[in-house]
Amino acid sequence: MAGGLLLGRFFPAIQGLLDAVRIGNTSLPIALGLLLMMYPVLAKVHYEELGRAARDRRLLWLSLLLVWGLGPALMFALAWIFLPGQPAFRTGLILIGLAPCIAMVLIWIDLAQGDREAAALLVAINSIIQVLAYALLGGFYLKILPGWLGLATEDVAFSMAEIAKAVLVFLGLPLAAGYLSRRIGLRLKGPRWYEQRFIPFISPFAL
């Protein structure tokens, strides 16, 4: 963070350079950084154990309640408490609350030595819900709920195709790479090489 702030302060032209390399609305350097951050964690997932994680219904329902119930409502409240007179920032904060972070969730789970299989499953489920429900939730928190409360409403256009493309790039690619790495690595080199040599080699790249 400090490095980013210093670069922006002393080399302001760097923003233009980064924005010049884009795929659609996505900065290519940021996309590559996110993919590199997520791949090592997803390569550690024991995909054959996803069925066990799926059987923990309490975990699934609690996660969905927190991510899609409490999270957006909390961000809506924070936006109106701290940014009542700044509609652009307020809208941005609400929209961020509707987009659960994929990369950092995986990093935190990995750092805490948590259940990577459950994390991968929950990230996949939340990403599918994001594609299907983001526009509906955005309309609710930007137009319907403020209207009920007598607050200012905002009109924001959502593209389901753009949301799906972002999820495919930022989750689909590293997930596929991690899955294939494990399948091919175990088949060609065996579990010992994969767990004791390959994983320790790629793990630092996530941080």
N, C-alpha and C. Protein backbone atom coordinates (compact mmCIF):
# COMPACT_ATOMS: atom_id res chain seq x y z
N MET A 1 0.83 -1.20 0.00
CA MET A 1 0.00 0.00 0.00
C MET A 1 0.86 1.25 0.00
N ALA A 2 1.90 1.23 0.84
CA ALA A 2 2.80 2.38 0.90
C ALA A 2 3.48 2.60 -0.45
N GLY A 3 3.90 1.48 -1.06
CA GLY A 3 4.55 1.59 -2.37
C GLY A 3 3.62 2.17 -3.42
N GLY A 4 2.36 1.74 -3.40
CA GLY A 4 1.39 2.27 -4.36
C GLY A 4 1.14 3.75 -4.18
N LEU A 5 1.02 4.18 -2.92
CA LEU A 5 0.81 5.60 -2.64
C LEU A 5 2.01 6.45 -3.08
N LEU A 6 3.22 5.94 -2.82
CA LEU A 6 4.42 6.69 -3.20
C LEU A 6 4.55 6.78 -4.72
N LEU A 7 4.27 5.68 -5.42
CA LEU A 7 4.33 5.72 -6.88
C LEU A 7 3.34 6.74 -7.44
N GLY A 8 2.11 6.73 -6.90
CA GLY A 8 1.12 7.68 -7.37
C GLY A 8 1.48 9.12 -7.06
N ARG A 9 2.20 9.33 -5.96
CA ARG A 9 2.56 10.69 -5.55
C ARG A 9 3.71 11.23 -6.38
N PHE A 10 4.74 10.42 -6.59
CA PHE A 10 5.95 10.93 -7.26
C PHE A 10 5.99 10.62 -8.75
N PHE A 11 5.17 9.67 -9.20
CA PHE A 11 5.12 9.34 -10.64
C PHE A 11 3.65 9.30 -11.07
N PRO A 12 2.98 10.45 -11.10
CA PRO A 12 1.54 10.47 -11.41
C PRO A 12 1.21 9.90 -12.79
N ALA A 13 2.17 9.89 -13.71
CA ALA A 13 1.89 9.38 -15.05
C ALA A 13 1.71 7.86 -15.07
N ILE A 14 2.07 7.19 -13.97
CA ILE A 14 1.98 5.73 -13.95
C ILE A 14 0.54 5.25 -14.04
N GLN A 15 -0.41 6.06 -13.55
CA GLN A 15 -1.81 5.67 -13.65
C GLN A 15 -2.24 5.56 -15.11
N GLY A 16 -1.83 6.52 -15.91
CA GLY A 16 -2.16 6.47 -17.32
C GLY A 16 -1.53 5.28 -18.02
N LEU A 17 -0.29 4.94 -17.61
CA LEU A 17 0.37 3.78 -18.22
C LEU A 17 -0.35 2.49 -17.87
N LEU A 18 -0.77 2.35 -16.62
CA LEU A 18 -1.49 1.14 -16.22
C LEU A 18 -2.86 1.06 -16.89
N ASP A 19 -3.55 2.19 -16.99
CA ASP A 19 -4.87 2.20 -17.60
C ASP A 19 -4.80 1.98 -19.11
N ALA A 20 -3.64 2.23 -19.71
CA ALA A 20 -3.52 2.06 -21.15
C ALA A 20 -3.51 0.59 -21.55
N VAL A 21 -3.16 -0.28 -20.62
CA VAL A 21 -3.12 -1.72 -20.92
C VAL A 21 -4.35 -2.35 -20.29
N ARG A 22 -5.42 -2.45 -21.08
CA ARG A 22 -6.69 -2.92 -20.55
C ARG A 22 -7.29 -3.98 -21.45
N ILE A 23 -8.08 -4.85 -20.83
CA ILE A 23 -8.93 -5.79 -21.57
C ILE A 23 -10.35 -5.46 -21.18
N GLY A 24 -11.09 -4.78 -22.08
CA GLY A 24 -12.41 -4.29 -21.72
C GLY A 24 -12.27 -3.20 -20.68
N ASN A 25 -12.91 -3.40 -19.51
CA ASN A 25 -12.83 -2.42 -18.43
C ASN A 25 -11.83 -2.81 -17.36
N THR A 26 -11.03 -3.84 -17.62
CA THR A 26 -10.13 -4.38 -16.60
C THR A 26 -8.68 -4.05 -16.92
N SER A 27 -7.97 -3.52 -15.94
CA SER A 27 -6.55 -3.23 -16.09
C SER A 27 -5.79 -4.56 -16.15
N LEU A 28 -5.01 -4.75 -17.19
CA LEU A 28 -4.28 -6.01 -17.36
C LEU A 28 -3.26 -6.26 -16.24
N PRO A 29 -2.48 -5.25 -15.81
CA PRO A 29 -1.56 -5.51 -14.69
C PRO A 29 -2.27 -5.94 -13.41
N ILE A 30 -3.42 -5.31 -13.12
CA ILE A 30 -4.18 -5.71 -11.94
C ILE A 30 -4.72 -7.12 -12.10
N ALA A 31 -5.21 -7.44 -13.28
CA ALA A 31 -5.74 -8.78 -13.53
C ALA A 31 -4.66 -9.84 -13.35
N LEU A 32 -3.48 -9.59 -13.90
CA LEU A 32 -2.38 -10.55 -13.77
C LEU A 32 -1.96 -10.71 -12.32
N GLY A 33 -1.93 -9.59 -11.58
CA GLY A 33 -1.58 -9.66 -10.17
C GLY A 33 -2.57 -10.49 -9.38
N LEU A 34 -3.86 -10.31 -9.64
CA LEU A 34 -4.89 -11.08 -8.94
C LEU A 34 -4.80 -12.56 -9.28
N LEU A 35 -4.59 -12.86 -10.54
CA LEU A 35 -4.48 -14.27 -10.95
C LEU A 35 -3.28 -14.93 -10.28
N LEU A 36 -2.16 -14.20 -10.23
CA LEU A 36 -0.96 -14.75 -9.61
C LEU A 36 -1.15 -14.93 -8.11
N MET A 37 -1.97 -14.07 -7.50
CA MET A 37 -2.24 -14.17 -6.07
C MET A 37 -3.14 -15.36 -5.75
N MET A 38 -4.10 -15.67 -6.62
CA MET A 38 -5.08 -16.71 -6.33
C MET A 38 -4.61 -18.10 -6.72
N TYR A 39 -3.79 -18.21 -7.76
CA TYR A 39 -3.42 -19.53 -8.27
C TYR A 39 -2.75 -20.43 -7.23
N PRO A 40 -1.73 -19.95 -6.46
CA PRO A 40 -1.09 -20.87 -5.50
C PRO A 40 -2.06 -21.43 -4.47
N VAL A 41 -3.00 -20.59 -4.01
CA VAL A 41 -3.96 -21.06 -3.01
C VAL A 41 -4.87 -22.13 -3.61
N LEU A 42 -5.33 -21.91 -4.82
CA LEU A 42 -6.24 -22.87 -5.46
C LEU A 42 -5.51 -24.14 -5.88
N ALA A 43 -4.20 -24.05 -6.06
CA ALA A 43 -3.42 -25.26 -6.37
C ALA A 43 -3.27 -26.14 -5.15
N LYS A 44 -3.48 -25.58 -3.94
CA LYS A 44 -3.37 -26.36 -2.70
C LYS A 44 -4.67 -27.10 -2.35
N VAL A 45 -5.76 -26.73 -2.99
CA VAL A 45 -7.06 -27.31 -2.64
C VAL A 45 -7.11 -28.79 -3.01
N HIS A 46 -7.59 -29.62 -2.10
CA HIS A 46 -7.81 -31.04 -2.38
C HIS A 46 -9.20 -31.17 -2.98
N TYR A 47 -9.28 -31.10 -4.30
CA TYR A 47 -10.58 -31.04 -4.96
C TYR A 47 -11.40 -32.30 -4.75
N GLU A 48 -10.73 -33.39 -4.47
CA GLU A 48 -11.46 -34.63 -4.22
C GLU A 48 -12.23 -34.59 -2.91
N GLU A 49 -11.96 -33.59 -2.06
CA GLU A 49 -12.65 -33.47 -0.78
C GLU A 49 -13.75 -32.41 -0.78
N LEU A 50 -14.09 -31.86 -1.95
CA LEU A 50 -15.12 -30.83 -2.00
C LEU A 50 -16.48 -31.36 -1.56
N GLY A 51 -16.71 -32.66 -1.79
CA GLY A 51 -17.97 -33.26 -1.37
C GLY A 51 -18.16 -33.18 0.14
N ARG A 52 -17.08 -33.36 0.88
CA ARG A 52 -17.15 -33.24 2.34
C ARG A 52 -17.55 -31.83 2.75
N ALA A 53 -16.94 -30.83 2.10
CA ALA A 53 -17.27 -29.45 2.43
C ALA A 53 -18.73 -29.14 2.10
N ALA A 54 -19.22 -29.71 1.00
CA ALA A 54 -20.60 -29.44 0.58
C ALA A 54 -21.62 -30.01 1.55
N ARG A 55 -21.24 -31.02 2.32
CA ARG A 55 -22.18 -31.63 3.26
C ARG A 55 -22.36 -30.81 4.53
N ASP A 56 -21.51 -29.80 4.74
CA ASP A 56 -21.63 -28.95 5.92
C ASP A 56 -22.65 -27.85 5.62
N ARG A 57 -23.92 -28.17 5.77
CA ARG A 57 -24.98 -27.22 5.41
C ARG A 57 -24.97 -25.98 6.31
N ARG A 58 -24.62 -26.14 7.58
CA ARG A 58 -24.59 -25.00 8.48
C ARG A 58 -23.58 -23.96 8.00
N LEU A 59 -22.41 -24.41 7.57
CA LEU A 59 -21.39 -23.51 7.05
C LEU A 59 -21.88 -22.80 5.80
N LEU A 60 -22.52 -23.53 4.90
CA LEU A 60 -22.99 -22.94 3.65
C LEU A 60 -24.03 -21.86 3.92
N TRP A 61 -25.03 -22.17 4.74
CA TRP A 61 -26.10 -21.21 4.99
C TRP A 61 -25.59 -19.99 5.76
N LEU A 62 -24.69 -20.22 6.73
CA LEU A 62 -24.15 -19.09 7.49
C LEU A 62 -23.34 -18.16 6.58
N SER A 63 -22.55 -18.75 5.69
CA SER A 63 -21.76 -17.94 4.76
C SER A 63 -22.66 -17.12 3.84
N LEU A 64 -23.69 -17.75 3.30
CA LEU A 64 -24.61 -17.03 2.41
C LEU A 64 -25.33 -15.91 3.15
N LEU A 65 -25.71 -16.17 4.40
CA LEU A 65 -26.39 -15.14 5.18
C LEU A 65 -25.49 -13.93 5.43
N LEU A 66 -24.22 -14.20 5.77
CA LEU A 66 -23.28 -13.11 6.05
C LEU A 66 -22.94 -12.33 4.78
N VAL A 67 -22.66 -13.06 3.69
CA VAL A 67 -22.19 -12.40 2.46
C VAL A 67 -23.30 -11.65 1.75
N TRP A 68 -24.49 -12.25 1.66
CA TRP A 68 -25.56 -11.65 0.86
C TRP A 68 -26.65 -10.99 1.69
N GLY A 69 -26.66 -11.22 3.02
CA GLY A 69 -27.63 -10.57 3.88
C GLY A 69 -27.02 -9.44 4.68
N LEU A 70 -26.09 -9.79 5.55
CA LEU A 70 -25.49 -8.79 6.45
C LEU A 70 -24.55 -7.85 5.71
N GLY A 71 -23.70 -8.37 4.83
CA GLY A 71 -22.69 -7.55 4.14
C GLY A 71 -23.28 -6.38 3.38
N PRO A 72 -24.19 -6.59 2.43
CA PRO A 72 -24.77 -5.47 1.70
C PRO A 72 -25.53 -4.49 2.59
N ALA A 73 -26.26 -5.01 3.60
CA ALA A 73 -27.00 -4.13 4.49
C ALA A 73 -26.04 -3.25 5.30
N LEU A 74 -24.93 -3.83 5.76
CA LEU A 74 -23.93 -3.06 6.51
C LEU A 74 -23.32 -1.96 5.65
N MET A 75 -22.96 -2.30 4.41
CA MET A 75 -22.35 -1.30 3.53
C MET A 75 -23.35 -0.20 3.17
N PHE A 76 -24.61 -0.56 3.02
CA PHE A 76 -25.65 0.44 2.76
C PHE A 76 -25.73 1.42 3.93
N ALA A 77 -25.72 0.88 5.16
CA ALA A 77 -25.78 1.73 6.34
C ALA A 77 -24.55 2.62 6.45
N LEU A 78 -23.36 2.06 6.23
CA LEU A 78 -22.13 2.85 6.31
C LEU A 78 -22.12 3.96 5.25
N ALA A 79 -22.59 3.63 4.05
CA ALA A 79 -22.60 4.61 2.97
C ALA A 79 -23.47 5.82 3.32
N TRP A 80 -24.63 5.56 3.88
CA TRP A 80 -25.52 6.67 4.20
C TRP A 80 -25.13 7.39 5.48
N ILE A 81 -24.46 6.72 6.41
CA ILE A 81 -24.01 7.38 7.64
C ILE A 81 -22.84 8.32 7.36
N PHE A 82 -21.86 7.85 6.57
CA PHE A 82 -20.63 8.62 6.39
C PHE A 82 -20.56 9.41 5.09
N LEU A 83 -21.38 9.07 4.09
CA LEU A 83 -21.30 9.75 2.79
C LEU A 83 -22.68 10.21 2.31
N PRO A 84 -23.48 10.84 3.16
CA PRO A 84 -24.84 11.19 2.75
C PRO A 84 -24.89 12.23 1.63
N GLY A 85 -23.88 13.10 1.57
CA GLY A 85 -23.90 14.16 0.57
C GLY A 85 -22.99 13.91 -0.62
N GLN A 86 -22.47 12.69 -0.76
CA GLN A 86 -21.57 12.37 -1.86
C GLN A 86 -22.10 11.14 -2.61
N PRO A 87 -23.01 11.34 -3.52
CA PRO A 87 -23.69 10.20 -4.16
C PRO A 87 -22.76 9.26 -4.92
N ALA A 88 -21.70 9.80 -5.53
CA ALA A 88 -20.81 8.91 -6.30
C ALA A 88 -20.07 7.95 -5.38
N PHE A 89 -19.48 8.49 -4.29
CA PHE A 89 -18.79 7.63 -3.33
C PHE A 89 -19.76 6.69 -2.61
N ARG A 90 -20.93 7.22 -2.30
CA ARG A 90 -21.95 6.42 -1.61
C ARG A 90 -22.37 5.22 -2.47
N THR A 91 -22.61 5.49 -3.73
CA THR A 91 -23.00 4.42 -4.64
C THR A 91 -21.88 3.39 -4.80
N GLY A 92 -20.64 3.89 -4.90
CA GLY A 92 -19.51 2.97 -5.02
C GLY A 92 -19.37 2.06 -3.81
N LEU A 93 -19.56 2.63 -2.61
CA LEU A 93 -19.45 1.83 -1.40
C LEU A 93 -20.53 0.75 -1.35
N ILE A 94 -21.74 1.11 -1.74
CA ILE A 94 -22.84 0.13 -1.75
C ILE A 94 -22.54 -0.99 -2.76
N LEU A 95 -22.04 -0.62 -3.93
CA LEU A 95 -21.76 -1.63 -4.95
C LEU A 95 -20.62 -2.55 -4.53
N ILE A 96 -19.62 -2.01 -3.82
CA ILE A 96 -18.54 -2.86 -3.31
C ILE A 96 -19.09 -3.86 -2.29
N GLY A 97 -20.08 -3.44 -1.51
CA GLY A 97 -20.69 -4.34 -0.55
C GLY A 97 -21.43 -5.50 -1.20
N LEU A 98 -21.79 -5.34 -2.47
CA LEU A 98 -22.50 -6.40 -3.20
C LEU A 98 -21.54 -7.34 -3.93
N ALA A 99 -20.24 -7.08 -3.85
CA ALA A 99 -19.26 -7.88 -4.60
C ALA A 99 -18.27 -8.50 -3.63
N PRO A 100 -18.56 -9.70 -3.12
CA PRO A 100 -17.62 -10.33 -2.19
C PRO A 100 -16.26 -10.55 -2.85
N CYS A 101 -15.20 -10.20 -2.11
CA CYS A 101 -13.84 -10.30 -2.63
C CYS A 101 -13.40 -11.75 -2.70
N ILE A 102 -13.00 -12.20 -3.87
CA ILE A 102 -12.58 -13.58 -4.06
C ILE A 102 -11.13 -13.77 -3.62
N ALA A 103 -10.25 -12.92 -4.12
CA ALA A 103 -8.81 -13.13 -3.92
C ALA A 103 -8.42 -13.05 -2.45
N MET A 104 -8.87 -12.02 -1.75
CA MET A 104 -8.43 -11.83 -0.38
C MET A 104 -9.02 -12.88 0.55
N VAL A 105 -10.23 -13.35 0.25
CA VAL A 105 -10.82 -14.44 1.05
C VAL A 105 -9.92 -15.67 0.99
N LEU A 106 -9.46 -16.00 -0.20
CA LEU A 106 -8.59 -17.17 -0.36
C LEU A 106 -7.26 -16.96 0.36
N ILE A 107 -6.72 -15.74 0.27
CA ILE A 107 -5.44 -15.46 0.94
C ILE A 107 -5.59 -15.56 2.45
N TRP A 108 -6.66 -14.99 2.99
CA TRP A 108 -6.86 -15.02 4.45
C TRP A 108 -7.03 -16.46 4.94
N ILE A 109 -7.79 -17.25 4.21
CA ILE A 109 -7.99 -18.66 4.58
C ILE A 109 -6.65 -19.38 4.58
N ASP A 110 -5.83 -19.10 3.57
CA ASP A 110 -4.53 -19.76 3.46
C ASP A 110 -3.61 -19.34 4.61
N LEU A 111 -3.58 -18.04 4.92
CA LEU A 111 -2.73 -17.56 6.01
C LEU A 111 -3.16 -18.12 7.36
N ALA A 112 -4.47 -18.30 7.53
CA ALA A 112 -4.98 -18.83 8.79
C ALA A 112 -4.93 -20.36 8.85
N GLN A 113 -4.43 -20.98 7.75
CA GLN A 113 -4.40 -22.44 7.65
C GLN A 113 -5.79 -23.02 7.87
N GLY A 114 -6.77 -22.37 7.24
CA GLY A 114 -8.16 -22.81 7.35
C GLY A 114 -8.49 -23.90 6.37
N ASP A 115 -9.77 -24.14 6.21
CA ASP A 115 -10.29 -25.21 5.36
C ASP A 115 -10.33 -24.70 3.92
N ARG A 116 -9.31 -25.03 3.13
CA ARG A 116 -9.22 -24.51 1.76
C ARG A 116 -10.33 -25.09 0.88
N GLU A 117 -10.73 -26.33 1.14
CA GLU A 117 -11.77 -26.95 0.33
C GLU A 117 -13.11 -26.21 0.52
N ALA A 118 -13.44 -25.91 1.78
CA ALA A 118 -14.66 -25.15 2.05
C ALA A 118 -14.58 -23.77 1.43
N ALA A 119 -13.41 -23.13 1.52
CA ALA A 119 -13.24 -21.79 0.95
C ALA A 119 -13.45 -21.81 -0.56
N ALA A 120 -12.85 -22.79 -1.25
CA ALA A 120 -13.01 -22.87 -2.70
C ALA A 120 -14.46 -23.09 -3.08
N LEU A 121 -15.16 -23.94 -2.33
CA LEU A 121 -16.57 -24.21 -2.62
C LEU A 121 -17.41 -22.96 -2.41
N LEU A 122 -17.20 -22.27 -1.28
CA LEU A 122 -17.97 -21.08 -0.98
C LEU A 122 -17.69 -19.95 -1.98
N VAL A 123 -16.44 -19.81 -2.39
CA VAL A 123 -16.10 -18.79 -3.37
C VAL A 123 -16.81 -19.08 -4.70
N ALA A 124 -16.84 -20.34 -5.10
CA ALA A 124 -17.51 -20.70 -6.35
C ALA A 124 -19.01 -20.43 -6.26
N ILE A 125 -19.64 -20.82 -5.15
CA ILE A 125 -21.07 -20.58 -4.98
C ILE A 125 -21.38 -19.09 -4.96
N ASN A 126 -20.60 -18.32 -4.21
CA ASN A 126 -20.84 -16.88 -4.13
C ASN A 126 -20.63 -16.20 -5.48
N SER A 127 -19.70 -16.71 -6.28
CA SER A 127 -19.47 -16.12 -7.60
C SER A 127 -20.65 -16.36 -8.52
N ILE A 128 -21.24 -17.56 -8.45
CA ILE A 128 -22.42 -17.84 -9.27
C ILE A 128 -23.58 -16.95 -8.84
N ILE A 129 -23.78 -16.81 -7.53
CA ILE A 129 -24.84 -15.93 -7.03
C ILE A 129 -24.60 -14.49 -7.47
N GLN A 130 -23.34 -14.09 -7.47
CA GLN A 130 -23.00 -12.73 -7.87
C GLN A 130 -23.44 -12.46 -9.30
N VAL A 131 -23.21 -13.42 -10.18
CA VAL A 131 -23.61 -13.25 -11.58
C VAL A 131 -25.13 -13.11 -11.68
N LEU A 132 -25.84 -13.95 -10.93
CA LEU A 132 -27.30 -14.00 -11.06
C LEU A 132 -28.01 -12.89 -10.29
N ALA A 133 -27.45 -12.46 -9.15
CA ALA A 133 -28.20 -11.57 -8.27
C ALA A 133 -27.63 -10.16 -8.14
N TYR A 134 -26.47 -9.87 -8.70
CA TYR A 134 -25.84 -8.57 -8.48
C TYR A 134 -26.73 -7.43 -8.97
N ALA A 135 -27.27 -7.56 -10.16
CA ALA A 135 -28.11 -6.49 -10.71
C ALA A 135 -29.37 -6.30 -9.87
N LEU A 136 -29.98 -7.40 -9.41
CA LEU A 136 -31.20 -7.30 -8.60
C LEU A 136 -30.91 -6.62 -7.26
N LEU A 137 -29.83 -7.03 -6.60
CA LEU A 137 -29.46 -6.42 -5.33
C LEU A 137 -29.06 -4.96 -5.51
N GLY A 138 -28.36 -4.66 -6.61
CA GLY A 138 -27.99 -3.28 -6.88
C GLY A 138 -29.22 -2.40 -7.01
N GLY A 139 -30.21 -2.88 -7.75
CA GLY A 139 -31.46 -2.12 -7.89
C GLY A 139 -32.17 -1.94 -6.55
N PHE A 140 -32.12 -2.98 -5.72
CA PHE A 140 -32.79 -2.90 -4.41
C PHE A 140 -32.13 -1.87 -3.51
N TYR A 141 -30.79 -1.91 -3.40
CA TYR A 141 -30.10 -1.03 -2.46
C TYR A 141 -29.89 0.38 -2.99
N LEU A 142 -30.01 0.58 -4.30
CA LEU A 142 -29.81 1.92 -4.86
C LEU A 142 -31.12 2.63 -5.18
N LYS A 143 -32.19 1.88 -5.41
CA LYS A 143 -33.45 2.51 -5.79
C LYS A 143 -34.60 2.17 -4.85
N ILE A 144 -34.83 0.88 -4.63
CA ILE A 144 -36.03 0.48 -3.89
C ILE A 144 -35.93 0.84 -2.41
N LEU A 145 -34.86 0.35 -1.73
CA LEU A 145 -34.73 0.62 -0.30
C LEU A 145 -34.59 2.11 0.02
N PRO A 146 -33.75 2.87 -0.71
CA PRO A 146 -33.73 4.32 -0.43
C PRO A 146 -35.08 4.98 -0.63
N GLY A 147 -35.83 4.52 -1.65
CA GLY A 147 -37.17 5.08 -1.86
C GLY A 147 -38.08 4.81 -0.69
N TRP A 148 -38.04 3.61 -0.13
CA TRP A 148 -38.85 3.28 1.04
C TRP A 148 -38.50 4.17 2.24
N LEU A 149 -37.18 4.48 2.37
CA LEU A 149 -36.71 5.25 3.52
C LEU A 149 -36.74 6.76 3.29
N GLY A 150 -37.21 7.20 2.12
CA GLY A 150 -37.26 8.62 1.82
C GLY A 150 -35.92 9.23 1.49
N LEU A 151 -34.96 8.40 1.04
CA LEU A 151 -33.63 8.87 0.68
C LEU A 151 -33.51 9.03 -0.83
N ALA A 152 -32.43 9.67 -1.25
CA ALA A 152 -32.19 9.85 -2.68
C ALA A 152 -31.90 8.50 -3.35
N THR A 153 -32.42 8.33 -4.54
CA THR A 153 -32.20 7.09 -5.29
C THR A 153 -31.19 7.32 -6.40
N GLU A 154 -30.58 6.23 -6.86
CA GLU A 154 -29.58 6.31 -7.93
C GLU A 154 -29.92 5.31 -9.03
N ASP A 155 -29.66 5.69 -10.27
CA ASP A 155 -29.84 4.79 -11.41
C ASP A 155 -28.47 4.33 -11.88
N VAL A 156 -28.23 3.02 -11.84
CA VAL A 156 -26.97 2.44 -12.31
C VAL A 156 -27.29 1.28 -13.25
N ALA A 157 -26.68 1.28 -14.41
CA ALA A 157 -26.91 0.21 -15.37
C ALA A 157 -25.94 -0.93 -15.10
N PHE A 158 -26.46 -2.15 -15.05
CA PHE A 158 -25.64 -3.33 -14.81
C PHE A 158 -25.64 -4.20 -16.06
N SER A 159 -24.49 -4.75 -16.37
CA SER A 159 -24.37 -5.69 -17.48
C SER A 159 -24.06 -7.07 -16.93
N MET A 160 -25.02 -7.99 -17.04
CA MET A 160 -24.79 -9.34 -16.55
C MET A 160 -23.64 -10.00 -17.30
N ALA A 161 -23.48 -9.66 -18.58
CA ALA A 161 -22.39 -10.23 -19.37
C ALA A 161 -21.04 -9.78 -18.83
N GLU A 162 -20.92 -8.49 -18.44
CA GLU A 162 -19.66 -7.99 -17.89
C GLU A 162 -19.36 -8.63 -16.54
N ILE A 163 -20.39 -8.79 -15.71
CA ILE A 163 -20.20 -9.43 -14.41
C ILE A 163 -19.75 -10.87 -14.59
N ALA A 164 -20.42 -11.59 -15.51
CA ALA A 164 -20.06 -12.98 -15.76
C ALA A 164 -18.63 -13.10 -16.30
N LYS A 165 -18.25 -12.16 -17.17
CA LYS A 165 -16.89 -12.18 -17.72
C LYS A 165 -15.85 -11.96 -16.64
N ALA A 166 -16.13 -11.02 -15.73
CA ALA A 166 -15.19 -10.75 -14.64
C ALA A 166 -15.04 -11.97 -13.73
N VAL A 167 -16.16 -12.62 -13.41
CA VAL A 167 -16.10 -13.81 -12.56
C VAL A 167 -15.34 -14.92 -13.27
N LEU A 168 -15.59 -15.08 -14.57
CA LEU A 168 -14.90 -16.13 -15.33
C LEU A 168 -13.40 -15.90 -15.34
N VAL A 169 -12.98 -14.65 -15.53
CA VAL A 169 -11.55 -14.34 -15.59
C VAL A 169 -10.90 -14.48 -14.22
N PHE A 170 -11.52 -13.86 -13.20
CA PHE A 170 -10.86 -13.77 -11.89
C PHE A 170 -11.07 -14.99 -11.01
N LEU A 171 -12.05 -15.83 -11.32
CA LEU A 171 -12.20 -17.08 -10.58
C LEU A 171 -11.98 -18.28 -11.49
N GLY A 172 -12.59 -18.26 -12.67
CA GLY A 172 -12.53 -19.42 -13.55
C GLY A 172 -11.11 -19.79 -13.96
N LEU A 173 -10.31 -18.81 -14.37
CA LEU A 173 -8.95 -19.10 -14.83
C LEU A 173 -8.06 -19.65 -13.72
N PRO A 174 -7.95 -18.98 -12.56
CA PRO A 174 -7.08 -19.55 -11.51
C PRO A 174 -7.63 -20.85 -10.94
N LEU A 175 -8.96 -21.01 -10.91
CA LEU A 175 -9.54 -22.25 -10.42
C LEU A 175 -9.20 -23.41 -11.35
N ALA A 176 -9.34 -23.18 -12.65
CA ALA A 176 -8.99 -24.21 -13.62
C ALA A 176 -7.50 -24.53 -13.57
N ALA A 177 -6.68 -23.49 -13.44
CA ALA A 177 -5.23 -23.71 -13.37
C ALA A 177 -4.85 -24.49 -12.12
N GLY A 178 -5.46 -24.15 -10.98
CA GLY A 178 -5.17 -24.87 -9.75
C GLY A 178 -5.62 -26.32 -9.82
N TYR A 179 -6.80 -26.55 -10.35
CA TYR A 179 -7.32 -27.92 -10.47
C TYR A 179 -6.45 -28.76 -11.39
N LEU A 180 -6.11 -28.21 -12.56
CA LEU A 180 -5.28 -28.96 -13.51
C LEU A 180 -3.88 -29.20 -12.97
N SER A 181 -3.34 -28.21 -12.25
CA SER A 181 -2.01 -28.39 -11.66
C SER A 181 -2.01 -29.59 -10.71
N ARG A 182 -3.04 -29.66 -9.88
CA ARG A 182 -3.10 -30.77 -8.91
C ARG A 182 -3.29 -32.11 -9.61
N ARG A 183 -4.23 -32.17 -10.54
CA ARG A 183 -4.49 -33.44 -11.24
C ARG A 183 -3.26 -33.92 -12.00
N ILE A 184 -2.66 -33.01 -12.77
CA ILE A 184 -1.51 -33.40 -13.60
C ILE A 184 -0.28 -33.66 -12.73
N GLY A 185 -0.07 -32.79 -11.72
CA GLY A 185 1.10 -32.97 -10.85
C GLY A 185 1.06 -34.27 -10.09
N LEU A 186 -0.09 -34.61 -9.53
CA LEU A 186 -0.21 -35.87 -8.79
C LEU A 186 -0.03 -37.06 -9.70
N ARG A 187 -0.56 -36.97 -10.92
CA ARG A 187 -0.48 -38.10 -11.84
C ARG A 187 0.94 -38.31 -12.35
N LEU A 188 1.64 -37.22 -12.67
CA LEU A 188 2.96 -37.35 -13.27
C LEU A 188 4.09 -37.49 -12.25
N LYS A 189 3.98 -36.77 -11.13
CA LYS A 189 5.08 -36.72 -10.17
C LYS A 189 4.76 -37.37 -8.83
N GLY A 190 3.48 -37.51 -8.52
CA GLY A 190 3.10 -38.13 -7.26
C GLY A 190 2.85 -37.12 -6.15
N PRO A 191 2.14 -37.55 -5.08
CA PRO A 191 1.78 -36.63 -3.99
C PRO A 191 2.97 -36.03 -3.26
N ARG A 192 4.02 -36.82 -3.07
CA ARG A 192 5.16 -36.32 -2.30
C ARG A 192 5.82 -35.14 -3.00
N TRP A 193 6.09 -35.28 -4.30
CA TRP A 193 6.70 -34.18 -5.06
C TRP A 193 5.77 -32.98 -5.08
N TYR A 194 4.49 -33.19 -5.27
CA TYR A 194 3.55 -32.08 -5.40
C TYR A 194 3.44 -31.30 -4.09
N GLU A 195 3.31 -32.01 -2.98
CA GLU A 195 3.10 -31.35 -1.69
C GLU A 195 4.39 -30.79 -1.09
N GLN A 196 5.51 -31.47 -1.33
CA GLN A 196 6.75 -31.07 -0.66
C GLN A 196 7.67 -30.22 -1.52
N ARG A 197 7.49 -30.21 -2.83
CA ARG A 197 8.36 -29.42 -3.68
C ARG A 197 7.60 -28.37 -4.49
N PHE A 198 6.54 -28.78 -5.18
CA PHE A 198 5.83 -27.83 -6.04
C PHE A 198 5.08 -26.78 -5.24
N ILE A 199 4.30 -27.21 -4.25
CA ILE A 199 3.51 -26.26 -3.45
C ILE A 199 4.40 -25.26 -2.71
N PRO A 200 5.48 -25.69 -2.03
CA PRO A 200 6.36 -24.70 -1.38
C PRO A 200 6.99 -23.71 -2.37
N PHE A 201 7.20 -24.17 -3.62
CA PHE A 201 7.80 -23.29 -4.62
C PHE A 201 6.84 -22.18 -5.05
N ILE A 202 5.55 -22.50 -5.27
CA ILE A 202 4.61 -21.50 -5.78
C ILE A 202 3.93 -20.70 -4.67
N SER A 203 3.94 -21.20 -3.43
CA SER A 203 3.21 -20.52 -2.35
C SER A 203 3.61 -19.06 -2.14
N PRO A 204 4.89 -18.71 -2.14
CA PRO A 204 5.25 -17.29 -1.89
C PRO A 204 4.67 -16.31 -2.91
N PHE A 205 4.35 -16.78 -4.11
CA PHE A 205 3.83 -15.85 -5.13
C PHE A 205 2.48 -15.26 -4.72
N ALA A 206 1.70 -15.98 -3.92
CA ALA A 206 0.40 -15.47 -3.49
C ALA A 206 0.56 -14.18 -2.69
N LEU A 207 1.56 -14.15 -1.82
CA LEU A 207 1.79 -12.94 -1.02
C LEU A 207 2.54 -11.88 -1.81
